[in-house]
N, C-alpha and C. Protein backbone atom coordinates (compact mmCIF):
# COMPACT_ATOMS: atom_id res chain seq x y z
N MET A 1 -22.64 -19.86 -2.21
CA MET A 1 -21.72 -18.74 -2.21
C MET A 1 -22.29 -17.61 -1.37
N SER A 2 -21.45 -17.00 -0.58
CA SER A 2 -21.87 -15.93 0.31
C SER A 2 -22.16 -14.64 -0.46
N ALA A 3 -23.15 -13.91 0.02
CA ALA A 3 -23.51 -12.63 -0.60
C ALA A 3 -22.73 -11.47 0.00
N HIS A 4 -21.90 -11.74 0.98
CA HIS A 4 -21.13 -10.67 1.61
C HIS A 4 -19.63 -10.99 1.54
N HIS A 5 -18.83 -10.00 1.78
CA HIS A 5 -17.38 -10.17 1.80
C HIS A 5 -16.86 -9.72 3.16
N THR A 6 -15.85 -10.39 3.64
CA THR A 6 -15.17 -10.00 4.87
C THR A 6 -13.73 -9.66 4.49
N TYR A 7 -13.24 -8.55 5.02
CA TYR A 7 -11.91 -8.07 4.66
C TYR A 7 -11.00 -8.00 5.87
N LYS A 8 -9.72 -8.11 5.61
CA LYS A 8 -8.68 -7.84 6.60
C LYS A 8 -7.82 -6.74 6.01
N LYS A 9 -7.24 -5.87 6.87
CA LYS A 9 -6.39 -4.79 6.40
C LYS A 9 -4.96 -5.00 6.87
N LEU A 10 -4.03 -4.76 5.96
CA LEU A 10 -2.61 -4.77 6.27
C LEU A 10 -2.08 -3.35 6.11
N GLU A 11 -1.14 -2.98 6.95
CA GLU A 11 -0.51 -1.68 6.79
C GLU A 11 0.87 -1.88 6.18
N MET A 12 1.14 -1.16 5.11
CA MET A 12 2.40 -1.27 4.39
C MET A 12 2.99 0.14 4.21
N VAL A 13 4.31 0.20 4.09
CA VAL A 13 4.98 1.47 3.81
C VAL A 13 5.80 1.28 2.54
N GLY A 14 5.53 2.12 1.55
CA GLY A 14 6.29 2.09 0.30
C GLY A 14 7.08 3.36 0.14
N SER A 15 8.17 3.27 -0.59
CA SER A 15 8.98 4.47 -0.84
C SER A 15 9.41 4.52 -2.29
N SER A 16 9.77 5.73 -2.72
CA SER A 16 10.21 5.94 -4.10
C SER A 16 10.99 7.24 -4.18
N ALA A 17 12.00 7.26 -5.00
CA ALA A 17 12.74 8.49 -5.26
C ALA A 17 12.01 9.36 -6.29
N ASN A 18 11.00 8.79 -6.97
CA ASN A 18 10.35 9.49 -8.08
C ASN A 18 9.02 10.16 -7.77
N SER A 19 8.12 9.45 -7.04
CA SER A 19 6.78 10.02 -6.84
C SER A 19 6.02 9.30 -5.74
N ILE A 20 4.97 9.97 -5.28
CA ILE A 20 4.07 9.35 -4.31
C ILE A 20 3.37 8.16 -4.95
N GLU A 21 2.95 8.33 -6.20
CA GLU A 21 2.26 7.24 -6.89
C GLU A 21 3.14 6.00 -6.99
N GLU A 22 4.41 6.19 -7.30
CA GLU A 22 5.32 5.05 -7.40
C GLU A 22 5.54 4.40 -6.02
N ALA A 23 5.55 5.20 -4.97
CA ALA A 23 5.68 4.66 -3.62
C ALA A 23 4.49 3.76 -3.29
N ILE A 24 3.29 4.19 -3.69
CA ILE A 24 2.09 3.36 -3.50
C ILE A 24 2.21 2.08 -4.30
N GLU A 25 2.59 2.19 -5.56
CA GLU A 25 2.72 1.02 -6.43
C GLU A 25 3.76 0.05 -5.89
N ASN A 26 4.86 0.56 -5.34
CA ASN A 26 5.90 -0.31 -4.78
C ASN A 26 5.38 -1.09 -3.57
N ALA A 27 4.62 -0.43 -2.70
CA ALA A 27 4.06 -1.11 -1.53
C ALA A 27 3.07 -2.20 -1.96
N ILE A 28 2.22 -1.90 -2.92
CA ILE A 28 1.24 -2.87 -3.39
C ILE A 28 1.94 -4.05 -4.07
N ALA A 29 2.96 -3.77 -4.88
CA ALA A 29 3.68 -4.84 -5.58
C ALA A 29 4.36 -5.79 -4.59
N GLU A 30 4.95 -5.26 -3.54
CA GLU A 30 5.59 -6.12 -2.54
C GLU A 30 4.56 -6.95 -1.80
N CYS A 31 3.44 -6.35 -1.45
CA CYS A 31 2.38 -7.06 -0.74
C CYS A 31 1.81 -8.18 -1.62
N ALA A 32 1.68 -7.92 -2.91
CA ALA A 32 1.10 -8.89 -3.84
C ALA A 32 1.95 -10.16 -3.96
N LYS A 33 3.20 -10.10 -3.55
CA LYS A 33 4.06 -11.29 -3.61
C LYS A 33 3.60 -12.37 -2.63
N THR A 34 2.93 -11.98 -1.55
CA THR A 34 2.52 -12.96 -0.53
C THR A 34 1.04 -12.92 -0.18
N VAL A 35 0.31 -11.90 -0.63
CA VAL A 35 -1.11 -11.76 -0.26
C VAL A 35 -1.96 -11.83 -1.53
N SER A 36 -3.01 -12.64 -1.47
CA SER A 36 -3.94 -12.70 -2.61
C SER A 36 -5.26 -12.04 -2.23
N ASN A 37 -6.11 -11.86 -3.19
CA ASN A 37 -7.45 -11.28 -3.02
C ASN A 37 -7.42 -9.82 -2.56
N MET A 38 -6.38 -9.08 -2.93
CA MET A 38 -6.35 -7.66 -2.58
C MET A 38 -7.40 -6.92 -3.40
N ASP A 39 -8.15 -6.04 -2.74
CA ASP A 39 -9.24 -5.33 -3.42
C ASP A 39 -9.09 -3.82 -3.42
N TRP A 40 -8.51 -3.23 -2.39
CA TRP A 40 -8.48 -1.77 -2.30
C TRP A 40 -7.35 -1.32 -1.40
N PHE A 41 -7.06 -0.03 -1.45
CA PHE A 41 -6.06 0.55 -0.55
C PHE A 41 -6.51 1.95 -0.15
N GLU A 42 -5.99 2.41 0.97
CA GLU A 42 -6.21 3.79 1.40
C GLU A 42 -4.88 4.35 1.88
N VAL A 43 -4.60 5.58 1.49
CA VAL A 43 -3.38 6.25 1.93
C VAL A 43 -3.67 6.87 3.28
N VAL A 44 -2.86 6.51 4.29
CA VAL A 44 -3.09 7.03 5.63
C VAL A 44 -2.03 8.03 6.07
N GLU A 45 -0.89 8.04 5.39
CA GLU A 45 0.16 8.98 5.75
C GLU A 45 1.10 9.18 4.56
N THR A 46 1.52 10.41 4.35
CA THR A 46 2.48 10.72 3.31
C THR A 46 3.59 11.57 3.92
N ARG A 47 4.81 11.22 3.62
CA ARG A 47 5.94 12.00 4.11
C ARG A 47 7.10 11.83 3.14
N GLY A 48 8.17 12.56 3.39
CA GLY A 48 9.33 12.45 2.51
C GLY A 48 10.60 12.83 3.22
N HIS A 49 11.67 12.67 2.50
CA HIS A 49 13.01 12.95 3.01
C HIS A 49 13.59 14.08 2.17
N ILE A 50 14.16 15.07 2.83
CA ILE A 50 14.72 16.23 2.13
C ILE A 50 16.24 16.10 2.11
N VAL A 51 16.80 16.26 0.91
CA VAL A 51 18.25 16.21 0.73
C VAL A 51 18.67 17.47 -0.03
N ASP A 52 19.54 18.27 0.55
CA ASP A 52 20.03 19.50 -0.08
C ASP A 52 18.91 20.40 -0.59
N GLY A 53 17.86 20.54 0.22
CA GLY A 53 16.76 21.43 -0.14
C GLY A 53 15.81 20.90 -1.19
N LYS A 54 15.92 19.61 -1.54
CA LYS A 54 15.05 19.00 -2.54
C LYS A 54 14.50 17.68 -1.99
N VAL A 55 13.46 17.19 -2.64
CA VAL A 55 12.90 15.91 -2.23
C VAL A 55 13.90 14.81 -2.54
N GLY A 56 14.29 14.07 -1.49
CA GLY A 56 15.20 12.93 -1.67
C GLY A 56 14.43 11.66 -2.01
N HIS A 57 13.33 11.44 -1.28
CA HIS A 57 12.43 10.35 -1.61
C HIS A 57 11.09 10.56 -0.92
N TYR A 58 10.08 9.89 -1.44
CA TYR A 58 8.73 9.94 -0.91
C TYR A 58 8.48 8.65 -0.14
N GLN A 59 7.69 8.75 0.93
CA GLN A 59 7.32 7.57 1.69
C GLN A 59 5.82 7.66 1.98
N VAL A 60 5.11 6.57 1.72
CA VAL A 60 3.65 6.55 1.88
C VAL A 60 3.25 5.34 2.70
N THR A 61 2.44 5.57 3.72
CA THR A 61 1.86 4.47 4.49
C THR A 61 0.47 4.23 3.94
N ILE A 62 0.19 2.98 3.58
CA ILE A 62 -1.13 2.63 3.05
C ILE A 62 -1.69 1.44 3.82
N LYS A 63 -2.99 1.33 3.79
CA LYS A 63 -3.66 0.14 4.30
C LYS A 63 -4.26 -0.56 3.09
N ILE A 64 -3.99 -1.85 2.99
CA ILE A 64 -4.48 -2.65 1.87
C ILE A 64 -5.52 -3.61 2.38
N GLY A 65 -6.70 -3.59 1.75
CA GLY A 65 -7.79 -4.49 2.13
C GLY A 65 -7.79 -5.71 1.22
N PHE A 66 -7.86 -6.88 1.84
CA PHE A 66 -7.96 -8.10 1.05
C PHE A 66 -9.09 -8.96 1.60
N ARG A 67 -9.77 -9.66 0.66
CA ARG A 67 -10.92 -10.50 1.02
C ARG A 67 -10.47 -11.78 1.71
N ILE A 68 -11.18 -12.12 2.76
CA ILE A 68 -10.99 -13.40 3.43
C ILE A 68 -11.82 -14.44 2.67
N LYS A 69 -11.21 -15.54 2.27
CA LYS A 69 -11.93 -16.60 1.57
C LYS A 69 -12.39 -17.65 2.56
N TYR A 70 -13.60 -18.08 2.41
CA TYR A 70 -14.16 -19.13 3.25
C TYR A 70 -14.18 -20.44 2.49
N SER A 71 -13.96 -21.54 3.18
CA SER A 71 -14.00 -22.84 2.51
C SER A 71 -15.40 -23.38 2.42
């Protein structure tokens, strides 16, 4: 077994009408449907949509790191 890990990063964009945290959770949940061995994420951009002077929805760009498995 290797003593080191090698990672690949994917960039995902999640959105939510409720919160930044939910936007992050939505992006991770969608990614988890097809990617295994996810270990960490970093938020690289946060933005939102304004409707009638209020927050309409939040949008967050994240990078998700997942471990590469060796045979």
